[in-house]
Amino acid sequence: MSRTAKIEVKDKDPVHAIQTFLKEVLENTDVGGVLVAEHLPMKDVLMPALITDPEKLAGADPLAPSFPINAAKVVSKLTRRPSGTKIAVVLRPCEIRALIELVKLKQASIEEAVIIGVDCLGAYSNTNYPRFSGNEGKQATLRFYEKALSGGETAFEDFDISPACKACEHPLPENADIILGILGVDVREYILVKANTDSGESLVSILKCVTEAEEPSNRPKAIEDLLSRRMAYRDQMFSETSEATSDLKKLTAYLAGCVNCYNCRVACPVCYCKECVFATDVFDHEPVQYLRWAKRKGVLKLPTDTLFYHITRLAHMSTACVGCGQCSNACPNDIPVMEIFKTIANFTQQAFDYEAGRSIDEEPPLATFREGEFKELTGGKD
């Protein structure tokens, strides 16, 4: 089923090549809209945009090292009920994996979606991307890729891509209908195109800007090298985070800066509850209760329920966490939320032999009863 082709790049501008590809998708196929990261005129902010006019794709830039929001939540809004119109959604690998979890949780659908995934070299945080890009927009993207693809270097001045990106072991959009490959590819000359599904194949076969090609011989090595660096960073992060949160005292210190803004909950692409217990009056205690607690030790940290909030989210979300890092990206006090969530999720998902976003056919572990699970706890026999 997998068809390999390429998009020719003119004037060493891969961003324009992708714009041309998406424009032809809108003009020549049954796709009625494209969801893609777009440079908007307001301070050159990059945000997901639903585009129906091919001429408006001039600002599209899915290669930009910016990740302001996990767009799986946006796809959820666009697909949770049938619209009668097919849309193409251009997503990072972690956005695709989050979307798969949302589909399994009945919060999104891919029946009317064509998923176009792009190899991901990482992104800067919301505060650091403007420092990197300035007002250069697309030119900043081209500068990033020239540096990252030539030597694997993504650091800029005193910052680098986000820790979530540095620890990501899924830089390839395996579950996309169409993969736009850049790893091991000279993107000054062309972008690799792989049709991964029947839906992707039928769309690619229509496009005139796509020509037959073979996968470059050095692509597997480029992927292997990137994965090696990322998994080394990830494993060190797991070790350091486990040590930093190994008992209640350390965990309390780790999360001490939390102010209960709940930004991490809002930014999380797979945190979907319509009513969160922490947004109700359950924790709105009477004034006298705070005084009672304060009198026990003479001092009471406020807000009082920050630790309980994070432990509850860990218990609730660790089976579905895809490690995208939006929780840390949204934190106003720079708490390493991603690190602890990804660390705990690693242990939880290993225990269930489950990986969030791996396959749409795998049911969420807590939704399925397996009689033979956890025999060391239940005392069951083989």
Protein backbone atom coordinates (compact mmCIF):
# COMPACT_ATOMS: atom_id res chain seq x y z
CA MET A 1 0.00 0.00 0.00
CA SER A 2 2.90 2.34 0.75
CA ARG A 3 3.75 4.48 -2.26
CA THR A 4 6.92 6.55 -2.25
CA ALA A 5 7.13 9.81 -4.18
CA LYS A 6 8.50 13.33 -3.82
CA ILE A 7 7.65 17.01 -4.07
CA GLU A 8 10.23 19.03 -5.98
CA VAL A 9 11.58 22.02 -4.03
CA LYS A 10 12.28 25.22 -5.94
CA ASP A 11 14.66 27.96 -4.82
CA LYS A 12 15.70 25.86 -1.79
CA ASP A 13 12.35 26.66 -0.14
CA PRO A 14 10.68 23.51 1.31
CA VAL A 15 7.99 25.61 3.03
CA HIS A 16 6.79 26.94 -0.32
CA ALA A 17 6.87 23.40 -1.71
CA ILE A 18 4.50 22.22 1.03
CA GLN A 19 2.26 25.25 0.44
CA THR A 20 2.08 24.26 -3.25
CA PHE A 21 1.26 20.68 -2.28
CA LEU A 22 -1.55 21.76 0.05
CA LYS A 23 -2.88 24.24 -2.49
CA GLU A 24 -3.22 21.48 -5.05
CA VAL A 25 -4.94 19.29 -2.42
CA LEU A 26 -7.58 22.00 -2.00
CA GLU A 27 -7.95 22.77 -5.69
CA ASN A 28 -7.90 19.29 -7.25
CA THR A 29 -9.32 16.82 -4.71
CA ASP A 30 -12.51 16.38 -2.72
CA VAL A 31 -10.87 17.94 0.35
CA GLY A 32 -12.87 21.00 1.44
CA GLY A 33 -10.47 22.47 3.98
CA VAL A 34 -6.93 22.18 5.32
CA LEU A 35 -5.98 22.53 8.98
CA VAL A 36 -2.37 23.66 9.14
CA ALA A 37 -0.09 25.91 11.18
CA GLU A 38 -0.33 29.40 9.70
CA HIS A 39 1.63 32.61 10.25
CA LEU A 40 -1.10 35.04 11.27
CA PRO A 41 -0.75 38.82 10.81
CA MET A 42 -1.10 39.55 14.53
CA LYS A 43 2.56 39.80 15.62
CA ASP A 44 3.35 37.01 13.14
CA VAL A 45 1.86 34.47 15.56
CA LEU A 46 1.86 30.87 14.34
CA MET A 47 -1.39 29.04 15.13
CA PRO A 48 -3.53 26.28 13.60
CA ALA A 49 -5.87 27.65 10.95
CA LEU A 50 -8.65 26.02 8.94
CA ILE A 51 -8.14 27.17 5.35
CA THR A 52 -10.67 26.76 2.55
CA ASP A 53 -9.27 29.35 0.10
CA PRO A 54 -6.14 28.00 -1.64
CA GLU A 55 -4.69 31.51 -1.92
CA LYS A 56 -4.71 31.82 1.88
CA LEU A 57 -2.13 29.02 2.13
CA ALA A 58 0.64 31.53 1.47
CA GLY A 59 1.21 31.79 5.23
CA ALA A 60 1.11 28.06 5.98
CA ASP A 61 4.24 26.79 7.71
CA PRO A 62 3.95 23.29 9.23
CA LEU A 63 7.76 23.08 9.41
CA ALA A 64 8.10 26.02 11.83
CA PRO A 65 9.76 25.02 15.14
CA SER A 66 6.76 26.33 17.04
CA PHE A 67 4.17 24.29 18.95
CA PRO A 68 1.68 26.69 20.58
CA ILE A 69 -1.09 24.10 20.96
CA ASN A 70 -1.55 20.39 20.40
CA ALA A 71 -3.87 20.55 17.41
CA ALA A 72 -5.49 17.20 18.22
CA LYS A 73 -7.92 19.20 20.36
CA VAL A 74 -8.73 21.37 17.34
CA VAL A 75 -9.30 18.29 15.16
CA SER A 76 -11.64 17.03 17.88
CA LYS A 77 -13.76 20.16 17.53
CA LEU A 78 -13.84 19.79 13.74
CA THR A 79 -14.66 16.08 13.57
CA ARG A 80 -16.65 14.99 16.60
CA ARG A 81 -19.82 15.32 14.53
CA PRO A 82 -20.10 14.67 10.77
CA SER A 83 -19.80 17.78 8.60
CA GLY A 84 -20.20 16.16 5.21
CA THR A 85 -16.87 17.63 4.11
CA LYS A 86 -13.48 15.97 4.08
CA ILE A 87 -10.63 17.95 5.65
CA ALA A 88 -6.88 17.45 5.49
CA VAL A 89 -5.14 17.93 8.83
CA VAL A 90 -1.39 18.57 8.90
CA LEU A 91 -0.08 17.34 12.24
CA ARG A 92 3.08 16.57 14.18
CA PRO A 93 3.60 12.94 15.25
CA CYS A 94 2.56 13.65 18.87
CA GLU A 95 -0.58 15.39 17.63
CA ILE A 96 -1.49 12.32 15.58
CA ARG A 97 -0.96 10.05 18.60
CA ALA A 98 -3.11 12.34 20.77
CA LEU A 99 -5.80 12.32 18.08
CA ILE A 100 -5.80 8.52 18.07
CA GLU A 101 -6.40 8.53 21.83
CA LEU A 102 -9.25 11.03 21.41
CA VAL A 103 -10.84 8.85 18.73
CA LYS A 104 -10.72 5.87 21.10
CA LEU A 105 -12.27 8.03 23.81
CA LYS A 106 -15.13 8.99 21.41
CA GLN A 107 -14.02 12.62 21.37
CA ALA A 108 -12.98 12.81 17.70
CA SER A 109 -13.38 10.98 14.40
CA ILE A 110 -11.08 10.43 11.44
CA GLU A 111 -13.81 9.29 9.06
CA GLU A 112 -13.79 12.62 7.22
CA ALA A 113 -10.12 13.45 7.83
CA VAL A 114 -6.99 12.89 5.78
CA ILE A 115 -4.03 12.98 8.15
CA ILE A 116 -0.85 14.48 6.71
CA GLY A 117 2.10 13.98 9.04
CA VAL A 118 5.49 15.66 8.93
CA ASP A 119 8.77 14.31 10.30
CA CYS A 120 9.42 16.34 13.45
CA LEU A 121 12.75 17.85 14.47
CA GLY A 122 11.21 19.51 17.53
CA ALA A 123 9.97 22.94 18.51
CA TYR A 124 10.81 25.77 20.87
CA SER A 125 8.56 26.73 23.76
CA ASN A 126 5.96 29.45 23.40
CA THR A 127 8.29 31.94 25.11
CA ASN A 128 11.42 30.96 23.18
CA TYR A 129 10.02 30.68 19.64
CA PRO A 130 9.49 34.47 19.29
CA ARG A 131 13.07 34.97 20.46
CA PHE A 132 14.25 32.62 17.74
CA SER A 133 12.04 33.79 14.89
CA GLY A 134 11.80 37.52 15.57
CA ASN A 135 9.75 38.86 12.67
CA GLU A 136 11.33 36.56 10.09
CA GLY A 137 8.48 34.03 9.86
CA LYS A 138 9.26 31.54 7.11
CA GLN A 139 12.90 32.61 6.86
CA ALA A 140 13.41 31.59 10.50
CA THR A 141 11.98 28.17 9.66
CA LEU A 142 14.40 27.74 6.76
CA ARG A 143 17.28 28.77 9.02
CA PHE A 144 16.22 26.21 11.64
CA TYR A 145 16.06 23.33 9.15
CA GLU A 146 19.34 24.17 7.47
CA LYS A 147 21.07 24.00 10.86
CA ALA A 148 19.14 21.03 12.27
CA LEU A 149 19.44 18.81 9.20
CA SER A 150 23.08 19.57 8.50
CA GLY A 151 24.43 18.80 11.97
CA GLY A 152 21.54 17.94 14.25
CA GLU A 153 21.98 21.20 16.15
CA THR A 154 18.84 22.94 17.42
CA ALA A 155 20.20 25.12 20.24
CA PHE A 156 19.94 28.88 19.74
CA GLU A 157 21.63 31.43 21.98
CA ASP A 158 20.80 30.29 25.55
CA PHE A 159 17.91 27.91 24.76
CA ASP A 160 17.08 24.75 22.83
CA ILE A 161 13.98 22.92 21.65
CA SER A 162 11.66 21.88 24.47
CA PRO A 163 12.58 18.96 26.76
CA ALA A 164 9.51 17.10 25.47
CA CYS A 165 10.91 17.26 21.94
CA LYS A 166 14.40 16.27 23.06
CA ALA A 167 12.91 13.21 24.83
CA CYS A 168 10.49 12.25 22.04
CA GLU A 169 10.99 8.75 20.68
CA HIS A 170 8.37 9.18 17.93
CA PRO A 171 9.68 11.75 15.41
CA LEU A 172 7.96 9.96 12.52
CA PRO A 173 4.21 10.24 11.84
CA GLU A 174 3.66 6.49 11.49
CA ASN A 175 -0.15 6.65 11.63
CA ALA A 176 -0.58 9.37 9.02
CA ASP A 177 -2.36 8.77 5.72
CA ILE A 178 0.42 10.74 4.02
CA ILE A 179 3.92 11.21 5.42
CA LEU A 180 6.03 14.20 4.39
CA GLY A 181 9.57 13.00 5.04
CA ILE A 182 12.48 15.33 5.76
CA LEU A 183 14.87 13.15 7.78
CA GLY A 184 17.72 11.93 5.58
CA VAL A 185 16.37 14.09 2.76
CA ASP A 186 17.99 17.12 1.13
CA VAL A 187 15.03 19.43 1.62
CA ARG A 188 16.68 22.06 -0.56
CA GLU A 189 15.92 19.71 -3.46
CA TYR A 190 12.81 17.74 -2.58
CA ILE A 191 10.48 16.45 0.18
CA LEU A 192 9.74 12.76 0.46
CA VAL A 193 6.07 11.75 0.18
CA LYS A 194 4.82 8.37 1.41
CA ALA A 195 1.21 7.29 0.96
CA ASN A 196 0.57 5.16 4.03
CA THR A 197 -3.09 4.20 3.56
CA ASP A 198 -5.63 3.73 0.78
CA SER A 199 -6.98 7.19 1.56
CA GLY A 200 -3.52 8.69 1.26
CA GLU A 201 -2.80 6.77 -1.93
CA SER A 202 -5.99 7.95 -3.62
CA LEU A 203 -5.22 11.58 -2.79
CA VAL A 204 -1.53 11.47 -3.79
CA SER A 205 -2.35 9.81 -7.11
CA ILE A 206 -4.34 12.89 -8.17
CA LEU A 207 -1.66 15.49 -7.44
CA LYS A 208 0.49 16.74 -10.31
CA CYS A 209 3.13 18.23 -8.01
CA VAL A 210 4.02 14.73 -6.75
CA THR A 211 6.36 12.55 -8.83
CA GLU A 212 7.62 9.01 -8.33
CA ALA A 213 10.78 8.59 -6.26
CA GLU A 214 12.67 6.17 -4.05
CA GLU A 215 13.39 6.60 -0.38
CA PRO A 216 16.93 7.98 0.06
CA SER A 217 19.44 5.38 1.24
CA ASN A 218 20.63 7.51 4.17
CA ARG A 219 17.16 8.05 5.64
CA PRO A 220 17.24 4.99 7.98
CA LYS A 221 20.61 6.11 9.37
CA ALA A 222 19.37 9.68 9.93
CA ILE A 223 16.33 8.33 11.79
CA GLU A 224 18.46 5.97 13.85
CA ASP A 225 20.86 8.74 14.87
CA LEU A 226 18.03 11.06 15.93
CA LEU A 227 16.31 8.30 17.91
CA SER A 228 19.57 7.41 19.64
CA ARG A 229 20.05 11.00 20.86
CA ARG A 230 16.45 11.35 21.96
CA MET A 231 16.23 8.06 23.83
CA ALA A 232 19.47 8.81 25.67
CA TYR A 233 18.01 12.15 26.76
CA ARG A 234 14.70 10.48 27.66
CA ASP A 235 16.28 7.77 29.80
CA GLN A 236 18.36 10.33 31.69
CA MET A 237 15.22 12.41 32.21
CA PHE A 238 13.37 9.38 33.58
CA SER A 239 16.19 8.69 36.03
CA GLU A 240 16.52 12.28 37.24
CA THR A 241 12.76 12.80 37.56
CA SER A 242 12.27 9.52 39.43
CA GLU A 243 14.93 10.56 41.93
CA ALA A 244 13.52 14.10 42.26
CA THR A 245 10.03 12.76 43.10
CA SER A 246 10.92 9.56 44.97
CA ASP A 247 9.10 10.40 48.20
CA LEU A 248 6.31 12.70 49.36
CA LYS A 249 8.68 15.39 50.60
CA LYS A 250 10.53 15.53 47.29
CA LEU A 251 7.30 15.43 45.29
CA THR A 252 5.90 18.32 47.32
CA ALA A 253 9.04 20.34 46.64
CA TYR A 254 8.94 19.43 42.93
CA LEU A 255 5.41 20.83 42.59
CA ALA A 256 5.79 23.65 45.13
CA GLY A 257 5.42 26.42 42.55
CA CYS A 258 1.94 25.30 41.43
CA VAL A 259 -0.69 28.05 41.77
CA ASN A 260 -3.67 25.98 40.60
CA CYS A 261 -4.06 27.89 37.35
CA TYR A 262 -5.00 24.54 35.71
CA ASN A 263 -3.24 25.58 32.50
CA CYS A 264 -1.74 22.11 32.22
CA ARG A 265 -5.20 20.55 32.30
CA VAL A 266 -6.52 22.93 29.64
CA ALA A 267 -3.45 22.47 27.39
CA CYS A 268 -3.42 18.67 27.65
CA PRO A 269 -4.81 17.26 24.37
CA VAL A 270 -6.19 14.07 25.97
CA CYS A 271 -7.69 15.62 29.12
CA TYR A 272 -11.26 15.71 27.85
CA CYS A 273 -13.66 15.60 30.83
CA LYS A 274 -16.55 17.99 30.32
CA GLU A 275 -16.59 18.77 34.05
CA CYS A 276 -13.41 18.48 36.07
CA VAL A 277 -13.80 17.97 39.81
CA PHE A 278 -11.19 20.67 40.39
CA ALA A 279 -13.35 23.19 38.53
CA THR A 280 -16.31 22.55 40.85
CA ASP A 281 -16.94 23.69 44.43
CA VAL A 282 -15.65 20.41 45.92
CA PHE A 283 -12.43 22.14 46.99
CA ASP A 284 -14.08 25.45 47.87
CA HIS A 285 -13.80 24.98 51.63
CA GLU A 286 -15.36 27.09 54.37
CA PRO A 287 -13.04 29.76 55.82
CA VAL A 288 -13.08 28.12 59.24
CA GLN A 289 -11.68 24.91 57.70
CA TYR A 290 -8.57 26.72 56.49
CA LEU A 291 -8.07 28.11 59.99
CA ARG A 292 -8.38 24.65 61.54
CA TRP A 293 -5.75 23.26 59.19
CA ALA A 294 -3.43 26.20 59.83
CA LYS A 295 -3.68 25.72 63.59
CA ARG A 296 -2.46 22.12 63.34
CA LYS A 297 1.02 23.15 62.22
CA GLY A 298 0.94 26.89 62.68
CA VAL A 299 1.24 27.53 58.92
CA LEU A 300 -0.80 26.47 55.89
CA LYS A 301 0.41 26.72 52.30
CA LEU A 302 -2.23 28.11 49.96
CA PRO A 303 -3.66 26.96 47.63
CA THR A 304 -4.05 23.75 49.61
CA ASP A 305 -4.88 21.14 46.97
CA THR A 306 -2.04 21.54 44.43
CA LEU A 307 -0.36 18.22 45.22
CA PHE A 308 -3.68 16.35 45.19
CA TYR A 309 -4.52 17.97 41.85
CA HIS A 310 -1.39 16.67 40.13
CA ILE A 311 -1.62 13.20 41.69
CA THR A 312 -5.24 12.96 40.50
CA ARG A 313 -4.25 13.98 36.97
CA LEU A 314 -1.39 11.50 36.98
CA ALA A 315 -3.76 8.69 37.98
CA HIS A 316 -6.31 9.81 35.40
CA MET A 317 -4.09 10.61 32.41
CA SER A 318 -0.96 8.46 32.57
CA THR A 319 -2.40 5.73 30.33
CA ALA A 320 -3.23 8.29 27.60
CA CYS A 321 -0.26 10.68 27.90
CA VAL A 322 1.64 11.05 24.60
CA GLY A 323 4.41 13.22 26.04
CA CYS A 324 3.77 16.23 23.81
CA GLY A 325 4.88 18.65 26.54
CA GLN A 326 2.03 21.14 26.25
CA CYS A 327 1.50 20.92 30.02
CA SER A 328 4.97 22.35 30.64
CA ASN A 329 4.58 24.79 27.75
CA ALA A 330 1.49 26.24 29.44
CA CYS A 331 2.87 26.42 33.00
CA PRO A 332 3.46 30.03 34.12
CA ASN A 333 5.96 28.97 36.80
CA ASP A 334 8.12 26.63 34.70
CA ILE A 335 7.31 23.52 36.72
CA PRO A 336 8.67 20.48 34.79
CA VAL A 337 5.19 18.99 34.46
CA MET A 338 5.98 17.07 31.28
CA GLU A 339 8.92 15.32 32.89
CA ILE A 340 6.88 13.80 35.71
CA PHE A 341 3.90 12.96 33.50
CA LYS A 342 6.03 11.28 30.84
CA THR A 343 8.00 9.40 33.50
CA ILE A 344 4.90 8.07 35.26
CA ALA A 345 3.20 7.37 31.92
CA ASN A 346 6.18 5.28 30.88
CA PHE A 347 5.78 3.01 33.92
CA THR A 348 1.97 2.89 33.66
CA GLN A 349 1.87 2.09 29.95
CA GLN A 350 4.58 -0.55 30.29
CA ALA A 351 2.55 -2.22 33.05
CA PHE A 352 -0.43 -2.52 30.69
CA ASP A 353 1.70 -3.33 27.61
CA TYR A 354 0.10 -0.28 26.04
CA GLU A 355 1.48 2.75 24.25
CA ALA A 356 -0.72 5.81 23.86
CA GLY A 357 -1.36 6.61 20.22
CA ARG A 358 0.33 3.47 18.89
CA SER A 359 -2.73 1.99 17.21
CA ILE A 360 -6.34 2.98 16.80
CA ASP A 361 -7.27 -0.70 17.20
CA GLU A 362 -5.89 -0.97 20.76
CA GLU A 363 -8.53 -0.26 23.38
CA PRO A 364 -7.56 2.01 26.30
CA PRO A 365 -6.28 -0.29 29.09
CA LEU A 366 -8.77 0.83 31.74
CA ALA A 367 -11.65 0.20 29.32
CA THR A 368 -10.78 -3.47 28.88
CA PHE A 369 -10.89 -6.27 31.47
CA ARG A 370 -8.14 -8.86 31.05
CA GLU A 371 -8.42 -11.74 33.45
CA GLY A 372 -4.71 -12.53 33.43
CA GLU A 373 -3.44 -9.04 34.26
CA PHE A 374 -1.41 -8.25 37.38
CA LYS A 375 -1.41 -11.75 38.85
CA GLU A 376 1.28 -10.65 41.29
CA LEU A 377 -1.38 -8.44 42.88
CA THR A 378 -4.53 -10.51 42.43
CA GLY A 379 -2.99 -13.87 43.28
CA GLY A 380 -4.38 -15.45 40.12
CA LYS A 381 -2.93 -18.61 38.66
CA ASP A 382 -1.54 -19.15 35.17
